[in-house]
Amino acid sequence: MKKDIHPKDYRPVIFEDATSGKRFLISSTVAASKTDKWDDGKEYPVFRVEISSASHPFYTGTSKTIDTAGRVEKFKTRAAKKTTKKDKK
């Protein structure tokens, strides 16, 4: 393996899935402000993700609506406005 090819801040990071709660320990350069202990007793930076293979419908085979920013409600209100306009015509 070649030496000195990775960035200086390449280190193990805990990625935590906000939807399922599953955690993965993977090497990364992502900036993380929080730290937490892993199963080995060592402390690592933690980075939260909204969706991962543990909660994505393609990998789990289940369909879920994950709405963390209110996008589904915004779409439903826009769709409802358009259907009422069509009904009035």
PDB file of N, CA and C in Angstrom:
ATOM      1  N   MET A   1       0.836  -1.179   0.000  1.00  0.00           N
ATOM      2  CA  MET A   1       0.000   0.000   0.000  1.00  0.00           C
ATOM      3  C   MET A   1       0.884   1.246   0.000  1.00  0.00           C
ATOM      4  N   LYS A   2       0.491   2.241  -0.759  1.00  0.00           N
ATOM      5  CA  LYS A   2       1.286   3.472  -0.838  1.00  0.00           C
ATOM      6  C   LYS A   2       1.194   4.260   0.459  1.00  0.00           C
ATOM      7  N   LYS A   3       2.299   4.858   0.853  1.00  0.00           N
ATOM      8  CA  LYS A   3       2.318   5.678   2.057  1.00  0.00           C
ATOM      9  C   LYS A   3       1.949   7.112   1.716  1.00  0.00           C
ATOM     10  N   ASP A   4       1.383   7.794   2.698  1.00  0.00           N
ATOM     11  CA  ASP A   4       1.061   9.228   2.618  1.00  0.00           C
ATOM     12  C   ASP A   4       0.123   9.580   1.466  1.00  0.00           C
ATOM     13  N   ILE A   5      -0.851   8.719   1.163  1.00  0.00           N
ATOM     14  CA  ILE A   5      -1.811   9.055   0.114  1.00  0.00           C
ATOM     15  C   ILE A   5      -3.131   9.571   0.691  1.00  0.00           C
ATOM     16  N   HIS A   6      -3.362   9.336   1.980  1.00  0.00           N
ATOM     17  CA  HIS A   6      -4.592   9.796   2.607  1.00  0.00           C
ATOM     18  C   HIS A   6      -4.389  11.173   3.233  1.00  0.00           C
ATOM     19  N   PRO A   7      -5.458  11.964   3.319  1.00  0.00           N
ATOM     20  CA  PRO A   7      -5.353  13.272   3.992  1.00  0.00           C
ATOM     21  C   PRO A   7      -4.973  13.097   5.466  1.00  0.00           C
ATOM     22  N   LYS A   8      -4.486  14.164   6.061  1.00  0.00           N
ATOM     23  CA  LYS A   8      -4.030  14.125   7.453  1.00  0.00           C
ATOM     24  C   LYS A   8      -5.164  13.828   8.435  1.00  0.00           C
ATOM     25  N   ASP A   9      -6.387  14.302   8.120  1.00  0.00           N
ATOM     26  CA  ASP A   9      -7.511  14.117   9.044  1.00  0.00           C
ATOM     27  C   ASP A   9      -8.326  12.857   8.735  1.00  0.00           C
ATOM     28  N   TYR A  10      -7.768  11.888   8.041  1.00  0.00           N
ATOM     29  CA  TYR A  10      -8.413  10.611   7.752  1.00  0.00           C
ATOM     30  C   TYR A  10      -8.346   9.748   9.000  1.00  0.00           C
ATOM     31  N   ARG A  11      -9.506   9.497   9.617  1.00  0.00           N
ATOM     32  CA  ARG A  11      -9.555   8.774  10.882  1.00  0.00           C
ATOM     33  C   ARG A  11     -10.878   8.022  10.985  1.00  0.00           C
ATOM     34  N   PRO A  12     -11.005   7.077  11.927  1.00  0.00           N
ATOM     35  CA  PRO A  12     -12.275   6.372  12.120  1.00  0.00           C
ATOM     36  C   PRO A  12     -13.341   7.339  12.647  1.00  0.00           C
ATOM     37  N   VAL A  13     -14.545   7.249  12.093  1.00  0.00           N
ATOM     38  CA  VAL A  13     -15.671   8.093  12.491  1.00  0.00           C
ATOM     39  C   VAL A  13     -16.902   7.195  12.647  1.00  0.00           C
ATOM     40  N   ILE A  14     -17.707   7.462  13.662  1.00  0.00           N
ATOM     41  CA  ILE A  14     -18.965   6.748  13.848  1.00  0.00           C
ATOM     42  C   ILE A  14     -20.039   7.487  13.058  1.00  0.00           C
ATOM     43  N   PHE A  15     -20.653   6.798  12.107  1.00  0.00           N
ATOM     44  CA  PHE A  15     -21.790   7.349  11.372  1.00  0.00           C
ATOM     45  C   PHE A  15     -23.049   6.775  11.996  1.00  0.00           C
ATOM     46  N   GLU A  16     -23.942   7.663  12.474  1.00  0.00           N
ATOM     47  CA  GLU A  16     -25.159   7.244  13.154  1.00  0.00           C
ATOM     48  C   GLU A  16     -26.369   7.592  12.289  1.00  0.00           C
ATOM     49  N   ASP A  17     -27.174   6.587  11.981  1.00  0.00           N
ATOM     50  CA  ASP A  17     -28.381   6.772  11.183  1.00  0.00           C
ATOM     51  C   ASP A  17     -29.469   7.344  12.086  1.00  0.00           C
ATOM     52  N   ALA A  18     -29.959   8.533  11.777  1.00  0.00           N
ATOM     53  CA  ALA A  18     -30.961   9.199  12.612  1.00  0.00           C
ATOM     54  C   ALA A  18     -32.301   8.480  12.556  1.00  0.00           C
ATOM     55  N   THR A  19     -32.587   7.775  11.471  1.00  0.00           N
ATOM     56  CA  THR A  19     -33.869   7.099  11.313  1.00  0.00           C
ATOM     57  C   THR A  19     -33.919   5.773  12.064  1.00  0.00           C
ATOM     58  N   SER A  20     -32.913   4.942  11.869  1.00  0.00           N
ATOM     59  CA  SER A  20     -32.946   3.605  12.467  1.00  0.00           C
ATOM     60  C   SER A  20     -32.132   3.489  13.754  1.00  0.00           C
ATOM     61  N   GLY A  21     -31.208   4.413  13.981  1.00  0.00           N
ATOM     62  CA  GLY A  21     -30.367   4.347  15.162  1.00  0.00           C
ATOM     63  C   GLY A  21     -29.148   3.460  14.986  1.00  0.00           C
ATOM     64  N   LYS A  22     -29.004   2.835  13.836  1.00  0.00           N
ATOM     65  CA  LYS A  22     -27.853   1.964  13.549  1.00  0.00           C
ATOM     66  C   LYS A  22     -26.595   2.814  13.443  1.00  0.00           C
ATOM     67  N   ARG A  23     -25.469   2.267  13.890  1.00  0.00           N
ATOM     68  CA  ARG A  23     -24.200   2.996  13.871  1.00  0.00           C
ATOM     69  C   ARG A  23     -23.151   2.183  13.127  1.00  0.00           C
ATOM     70  N   PHE A  24     -22.304   2.873  12.377  1.00  0.00           N
ATOM     71  CA  PHE A  24     -21.236   2.259  11.603  1.00  0.00           C
ATOM     72  C   PHE A  24     -19.924   2.964  11.943  1.00  0.00           C
ATOM     73  N   LEU A  25     -18.853   2.225  12.075  1.00  0.00           N
ATOM     74  CA  LEU A  25     -17.527   2.801  12.293  1.00  0.00           C
ATOM     75  C   LEU A  25     -16.751   2.667  10.987  1.00  0.00           C
ATOM     76  N   ILE A  26     -16.516   3.804  10.330  1.00  0.00           N
ATOM     77  CA  ILE A  26     -15.866   3.836   9.026  1.00  0.00           C
ATOM     78  C   ILE A  26     -14.833   4.958   9.039  1.00  0.00           C
ATOM     79  N   SER A  27     -13.734   4.772   8.352  1.00  0.00           N
ATOM     80  CA  SER A  27     -12.728   5.832   8.240  1.00  0.00           C
ATOM     81  C   SER A  27     -13.209   6.896   7.274  1.00  0.00           C
ATOM     82  N   SER A  28     -13.021   8.162   7.655  1.00  0.00           N
ATOM     83  CA  SER A  28     -13.510   9.272   6.855  1.00  0.00           C
ATOM     84  C   SER A  28     -12.761  10.548   7.215  1.00  0.00           C
ATOM     85  N   THR A  29     -12.965  11.586   6.399  1.00  0.00           N
ATOM     86  CA  THR A  29     -12.412  12.904   6.689  1.00  0.00           C
ATOM     87  C   THR A  29     -13.504  13.903   7.060  1.00  0.00           C
ATOM     88  N   VAL A  30     -14.721  13.432   7.248  1.00  0.00           N
ATOM     89  CA  VAL A  30     -15.845  14.319   7.547  1.00  0.00           C
ATOM     90  C   VAL A  30     -15.608  15.037   8.880  1.00  0.00           C
ATOM     91  N   ALA A  31     -16.049  16.298   8.939  1.00  0.00           N
ATOM     92  CA  ALA A  31     -15.904  17.092  10.166  1.00  0.00           C
ATOM     93  C   ALA A  31     -17.046  16.750  11.121  1.00  0.00           C
ATOM     94  N   ALA A  32     -16.705  16.393  12.333  1.00  0.00           N
ATOM     95  CA  ALA A  32     -17.701  16.045  13.339  1.00  0.00           C
ATOM     96  C   ALA A  32     -17.356  16.750  14.644  1.00  0.00           C
ATOM     97  N   SER A  33     -18.375  17.305  15.291  1.00  0.00           N
ATOM     98  CA  SER A  33     -18.128  18.043  16.527  1.00  0.00           C
ATOM     99  C   SER A  33     -18.365  17.188  17.776  1.00  0.00           C
ATOM    100  N   LYS A  34     -19.233  16.178  17.696  1.00  0.00           N
ATOM    101  CA  LYS A  34     -19.528  15.322  18.837  1.00  0.00           C
ATOM    102  C   LYS A  34     -18.624  14.098  18.846  1.00  0.00           C
ATOM    103  N   THR A  35     -18.459  13.519  20.013  1.00  0.00           N
ATOM    104  CA  THR A  35     -17.718  12.266  20.154  1.00  0.00           C
ATOM    105  C   THR A  35     -18.546  11.302  20.993  1.00  0.00           C
ATOM    106  N   ASP A  36     -18.289  10.009  20.810  1.00  0.00           N
ATOM    107  CA  ASP A  36     -18.992   8.981  21.579  1.00  0.00           C
ATOM    108  C   ASP A  36     -18.123   7.735  21.626  1.00  0.00           C
ATOM    109  N   LYS A  37     -18.414   6.844  22.567  1.00  0.00           N
ATOM    110  CA  LYS A  37     -17.642   5.608  22.697  1.00  0.00           C
ATOM    111  C   LYS A  37     -18.208   4.537  21.771  1.00  0.00           C
ATOM    112  N   TRP A  38     -17.311   3.757  21.192  1.00  0.00           N
ATOM    113  CA  TRP A  38     -17.664   2.635  20.336  1.00  0.00           C
ATOM    114  C   TRP A  38     -17.594   1.355  21.166  1.00  0.00           C
ATOM    115  N   ASP A  39     -17.926   0.222  20.595  1.00  0.00           N
ATOM    116  CA  ASP A  39     -17.932  -1.054  21.309  1.00  0.00           C
ATOM    117  C   ASP A  39     -16.569  -1.448  21.854  1.00  0.00           C
ATOM    118  N   ASP A  40     -15.503  -0.954  21.249  1.00  0.00           N
ATOM    119  CA  ASP A  40     -14.158  -1.294  21.704  1.00  0.00           C
ATOM    120  C   ASP A  40     -13.693  -0.438  22.890  1.00  0.00           C
ATOM    121  N   GLY A  41     -14.540   0.489  23.340  1.00  0.00           N
ATOM    122  CA  GLY A  41     -14.218   1.336  24.481  1.00  0.00           C
ATOM    123  C   GLY A  41     -13.504   2.625  24.126  1.00  0.00           C
ATOM    124  N   LYS A  42     -13.100   2.783  22.867  1.00  0.00           N
ATOM    125  CA  LYS A  42     -12.424   4.007  22.438  1.00  0.00           C
ATOM    126  C   LYS A  42     -13.454   5.054  22.036  1.00  0.00           C
ATOM    127  N   GLU A  43     -13.036   6.312  22.110  1.00  0.00           N
ATOM    128  CA  GLU A  43     -13.915   7.426  21.767  1.00  0.00           C
ATOM    129  C   GLU A  43     -13.598   7.907  20.354  1.00  0.00           C
ATOM    130  N   TYR A  44     -14.654   8.063  19.540  1.00  0.00           N
ATOM    131  CA  TYR A  44     -14.522   8.480  18.150  1.00  0.00           C
ATOM    132  C   TYR A  44     -15.472   9.640  17.865  1.00  0.00           C
ATOM    133  N   PRO A  45     -15.184  10.448  16.835  1.00  0.00           N
ATOM    134  CA  PRO A  45     -16.132  11.484  16.417  1.00  0.00           C
ATOM    135  C   PRO A  45     -17.408  10.835  15.870  1.00  0.00           C
ATOM    136  N   VAL A  46     -18.550  11.509  16.061  1.00  0.00           N
ATOM    137  CA  VAL A  46     -19.847  11.000  15.600  1.00  0.00           C
ATOM    138  C   VAL A  46     -20.426  11.954  14.568  1.00  0.00           C
ATOM    139  N   PHE A  47     -20.893  11.398  13.442  1.00  0.00           N
ATOM    140  CA  PHE A  47     -21.541  12.186  12.398  1.00  0.00           C
ATOM    141  C   PHE A  47     -22.900  11.557  12.134  1.00  0.00           C
ATOM    142  N   ARG A  48     -23.969  12.354  12.272  1.00  0.00           N
ATOM    143  CA  ARG A  48     -25.339  11.845  12.064  1.00  0.00           C
ATOM    144  C   ARG A  48     -25.740  11.993  10.609  1.00  0.00           C
ATOM    145  N   VAL A  49     -26.333  10.949  10.056  1.00  0.00           N
ATOM    146  CA  VAL A  49     -26.859  10.964   8.693  1.00  0.00           C
ATOM    147  C   VAL A  49     -28.358  10.689   8.760  1.00  0.00           C
ATOM    148  N   GLU A  50     -29.098  11.228   7.796  1.00  0.00           N
ATOM    149  CA  GLU A  50     -30.547  11.042   7.804  1.00  0.00           C
ATOM    150  C   GLU A  50     -30.957   9.665   7.314  1.00  0.00           C
ATOM    151  N   ILE A  51     -30.194   9.107   6.387  1.00  0.00           N
ATOM    152  CA  ILE A  51     -30.552   7.808   5.837  1.00  0.00           C
ATOM    153  C   ILE A  51     -29.282   7.041   5.491  1.00  0.00           C
ATOM    154  N   SER A  52     -29.311   5.736   5.698  1.00  0.00           N
ATOM    155  CA  SER A  52     -28.178   4.869   5.380  1.00  0.00           C
ATOM    156  C   SER A  52     -28.727   3.550   4.857  1.00  0.00           C
ATOM    157  N   SER A  53     -27.858   2.593   4.648  1.00  0.00           N
ATOM    158  CA  SER A  53     -28.315   1.292   4.166  1.00  0.00           C
ATOM    159  C   SER A  53     -29.211   0.598   5.192  1.00  0.00           C
ATOM    160  N   ALA A  54     -29.134   0.997   6.454  1.00  0.00           N
ATOM    161  CA  ALA A  54     -29.960   0.397   7.498  1.00  0.00           C
ATOM    162  C   ALA A  54     -31.402   0.887   7.447  1.00  0.00           C
ATOM    163  N   SER A  55     -31.659   2.025   6.783  1.00  0.00           N
ATOM    164  CA  SER A  55     -33.019   2.556   6.741  1.00  0.00           C
ATOM    165  C   SER A  55     -33.518   2.843   5.327  1.00  0.00           C
ATOM    166  N   HIS A  56     -32.683   2.685   4.310  1.00  0.00           N
ATOM    167  CA  HIS A  56     -33.086   2.972   2.935  1.00  0.00           C
ATOM    168  C   HIS A  56     -34.003   1.864   2.420  1.00  0.00           C
ATOM    169  N   PRO A  57     -35.141   2.225   1.793  1.00  0.00           N
ATOM    170  CA  PRO A  57     -36.092   1.221   1.309  1.00  0.00           C
ATOM    171  C   PRO A  57     -35.495   0.201   0.336  1.00  0.00           C
ATOM    172  N   PHE A  58     -34.523   0.585  -0.458  1.00  0.00           N
ATOM    173  CA  PHE A  58     -33.918  -0.350  -1.397  1.00  0.00           C
ATOM    174  C   PHE A  58     -33.249  -1.510  -0.668  1.00  0.00           C
ATOM    175  N   TYR A  59     -32.593  -1.226   0.444  1.00  0.00           N
ATOM    176  CA  TYR A  59     -31.874  -2.259   1.181  1.00  0.00           C
ATOM    177  C   TYR A  59     -32.753  -2.990   2.189  1.00  0.00           C
ATOM    178  N   THR A  60     -33.744  -2.313   2.746  1.00  0.00           N
ATOM    179  CA  THR A  60     -34.569  -2.939   3.775  1.00  0.00           C
ATOM    180  C   THR A  60     -35.766  -3.670   3.197  1.00  0.00           C
ATOM    181  N   GLY A  61     -36.221  -3.264   2.006  1.00  0.00           N
ATOM    182  CA  GLY A  61     -37.391  -3.893   1.409  1.00  0.00           C
ATOM    183  C   GLY A  61     -38.699  -3.347   1.948  1.00  0.00           C
ATOM    184  N   THR A  62     -38.646  -2.355   2.807  1.00  0.00           N
ATOM    185  CA  THR A  62     -39.849  -1.735   3.349  1.00  0.00           C
ATOM    186  C   THR A  62     -39.917  -0.292   2.881  1.00  0.00           C
ATOM    187  N   SER A  63     -41.131   0.187   2.724  1.00  0.00           N
ATOM    188  CA  SER A  63     -41.313   1.563   2.272  1.00  0.00           C
ATOM    189  C   SER A  63     -41.699   2.437   3.454  1.00  0.00           C
ATOM    190  N   LYS A  64     -40.940   3.498   3.678  1.00  0.00           N
ATOM    191  CA  LYS A  64     -41.213   4.458   4.750  1.00  0.00           C
ATOM    192  C   LYS A  64     -41.113   5.850   4.180  1.00  0.00           C
ATOM    193  N   THR A  65     -41.893   6.762   4.686  1.00  0.00           N
ATOM    194  CA  THR A  65     -41.760   8.158   4.330  1.00  0.00           C
ATOM    195  C   THR A  65     -40.938   8.835   5.417  1.00  0.00           C
ATOM    196  N   ILE A  66     -39.763   9.297   5.043  1.00  0.00           N
ATOM    197  CA  ILE A  66     -38.872   9.964   5.989  1.00  0.00           C
ATOM    198  C   ILE A  66     -38.890  11.447   5.658  1.00  0.00           C
ATOM    199  N   ASP A  67     -39.415  12.230   6.574  1.00  0.00           N
ATOM    200  CA  ASP A  67     -39.555  13.659   6.318  1.00  0.00           C
ATOM    201  C   ASP A  67     -38.971  14.430   7.485  1.00  0.00           C
ATOM    202  N   THR A  68     -37.764  14.919   7.306  1.00  0.00           N
ATOM    203  CA  THR A  68     -37.128  15.674   8.378  1.00  0.00           C
ATOM    204  C   THR A  68     -37.209  17.166   8.161  1.00  0.00           C
ATOM    205  N   ALA A  69     -37.530  17.599   6.959  1.00  0.00           N
ATOM    206  CA  ALA A  69     -37.546  19.040   6.676  1.00  0.00           C
ATOM    207  C   ALA A  69     -38.936  19.545   6.300  1.00  0.00           C
ATOM    208  N   GLY A  70     -39.972  18.716   6.449  1.00  0.00           N
ATOM    209  CA  GLY A  70     -41.325  19.151   6.138  1.00  0.00           C
ATOM    210  C   GLY A  70     -41.627  19.185   4.653  1.00  0.00           C
ATOM    211  N   ARG A  71     -40.850  18.492   3.845  1.00  0.00           N
ATOM    212  CA  ARG A  71     -41.030  18.534   2.392  1.00  0.00           C
ATOM    213  C   ARG A  71     -42.309  17.845   1.955  1.00  0.00           C
ATOM    214  N   VAL A  72     -42.693  16.773   2.653  1.00  0.00           N
ATOM    215  CA  VAL A  72     -43.904  16.044   2.276  1.00  0.00           C
ATOM    216  C   VAL A  72     -45.125  16.922   2.500  1.00  0.00           C
ATOM    217  N   GLU A  73     -45.181  17.615   3.625  1.00  0.00           N
ATOM    218  CA  GLU A  73     -46.326  18.479   3.903  1.00  0.00           C
ATOM    219  C   GLU A  73     -46.406  19.624   2.898  1.00  0.00           C
ATOM    220  N   LYS A  74     -45.258  20.201   2.536  1.00  0.00           N
ATOM    221  CA  LYS A  74     -45.250  21.272   1.546  1.00  0.00           C
ATOM    222  C   LYS A  74     -45.784  20.775   0.205  1.00  0.00           C
ATOM    223  N   PHE A  75     -45.368  19.576  -0.191  1.00  0.00           N
ATOM    224  CA  PHE A  75     -45.852  19.011  -1.446  1.00  0.00           C
ATOM    225  C   PHE A  75     -47.356  18.760  -1.386  1.00  0.00           C
ATOM    226  N   LYS A  76     -47.844  18.226  -0.282  1.00  0.00           N
ATOM    227  CA  LYS A  76     -49.276  17.941  -0.150  1.00  0.00           C
ATOM    228  C   LYS A  76     -50.103  19.216  -0.203  1.00  0.00           C
ATOM    229  N   THR A  77     -49.630  20.312   0.408  1.00  0.00           N
ATOM    230  CA  THR A  77     -50.382  21.566   0.355  1.00  0.00           C
ATOM    231  C   THR A  77     -50.390  22.140  -1.057  1.00  0.00           C
ATOM    232  N   ARG A  78     -49.248  22.041  -1.785  1.00  0.00           N
ATOM    233  CA  ARG A  78     -49.208  22.499  -3.180  1.00  0.00           C
ATOM    234  C   ARG A  78     -50.139  21.669  -4.053  1.00  0.00           C
ATOM    235  N   ALA A  79     -50.135  20.371  -3.843  1.00  0.00           N
ATOM    236  CA  ALA A  79     -50.983  19.487  -4.635  1.00  0.00           C
ATOM    237  C   ALA A  79     -52.455  19.756  -4.333  1.00  0.00           C
ATOM    238  N   ALA A  80     -52.768  20.023  -3.087  1.00  0.00           N
ATOM    239  CA  ALA A  80     -54.153  20.309  -2.718  1.00  0.00           C
ATOM    240  C   ALA A  80     -54.623  21.614  -3.348  1.00  0.00           C
ATOM    241  N   LYS A  81     -53.763  22.627  -3.410  1.00  0.00           N
ATOM    242  CA  LYS A  81     -54.112  23.901  -4.034  1.00  0.00           C
ATOM    243  C   LYS A  81     -54.383  23.721  -5.515  1.00  0.00           C
ATOM    244  N   LYS A  82     -53.570  22.896  -6.184  1.00  0.00           N
ATOM    245  CA  LYS A  82     -53.760  22.678  -7.618  1.00  0.00           C
ATOM    246  C   LYS A  82     -55.044  21.938  -7.904  1.00  0.00           C
ATOM    247  N   THR A  83     -55.409  20.980  -7.064  1.00  0.00           N
ATOM    248  CA  THR A  83     -56.652  20.240  -7.308  1.00  0.00           C
ATOM    249  C   THR A  83     -57.865  21.120  -7.055  1.00  0.00           C
ATOM    250  N   THR A  84     -57.797  22.043  -6.088  1.00  0.00           N
ATOM    251  CA  THR A  84     -58.928  22.944  -5.855  1.00  0.00           C
ATOM    252  C   THR A  84     -59.079  23.935  -7.006  1.00  0.00           C
ATOM    253  N   LYS A  85     -57.984  24.373  -7.607  1.00  0.00           N
ATOM    254  CA  LYS A  85     -58.058  25.257  -8.759  1.00  0.00           C
ATOM    255  C   LYS A  85     -58.675  24.547  -9.949  1.00  0.00           C
ATOM    256  N   LYS A  86     -58.355  23.289 -10.152  1.00  0.00           N
ATOM    257  CA  LYS A  86     -58.934  22.525 -11.250  1.00  0.00           C
ATOM    258  C   LYS A  86     -60.421  22.297 -11.028  1.00  0.00           C
ATOM    259  N   ASP A  87     -60.819  22.072  -9.768  1.00  0.00           N
ATOM    260  CA  ASP A  87     -62.216  21.856  -9.445  1.00  0.00           C
ATOM    261  C   ASP A  87     -63.063  23.093  -9.701  1.00  0.00           C
ATOM    262  N   LYS A  88     -62.492  24.289  -9.499  1.00  0.00           N
ATOM    263  CA  LYS A  88     -63.224  25.543  -9.692  1.00  0.00           C
ATOM    264  C   LYS A  88     -63.474  25.808 -11.160  1.00  0.00           C
ATOM    265  N   LYS A  89     -62.578  25.341 -12.042  1.00  0.00           N
ATOM    266  CA  LYS A  89     -62.743  25.575 -13.478  1.00  0.00           C
ATOM    267  C   LYS A  89     -63.782  24.691 -13.993  1.00  0.00           C
TER     268      LYS A  89
END
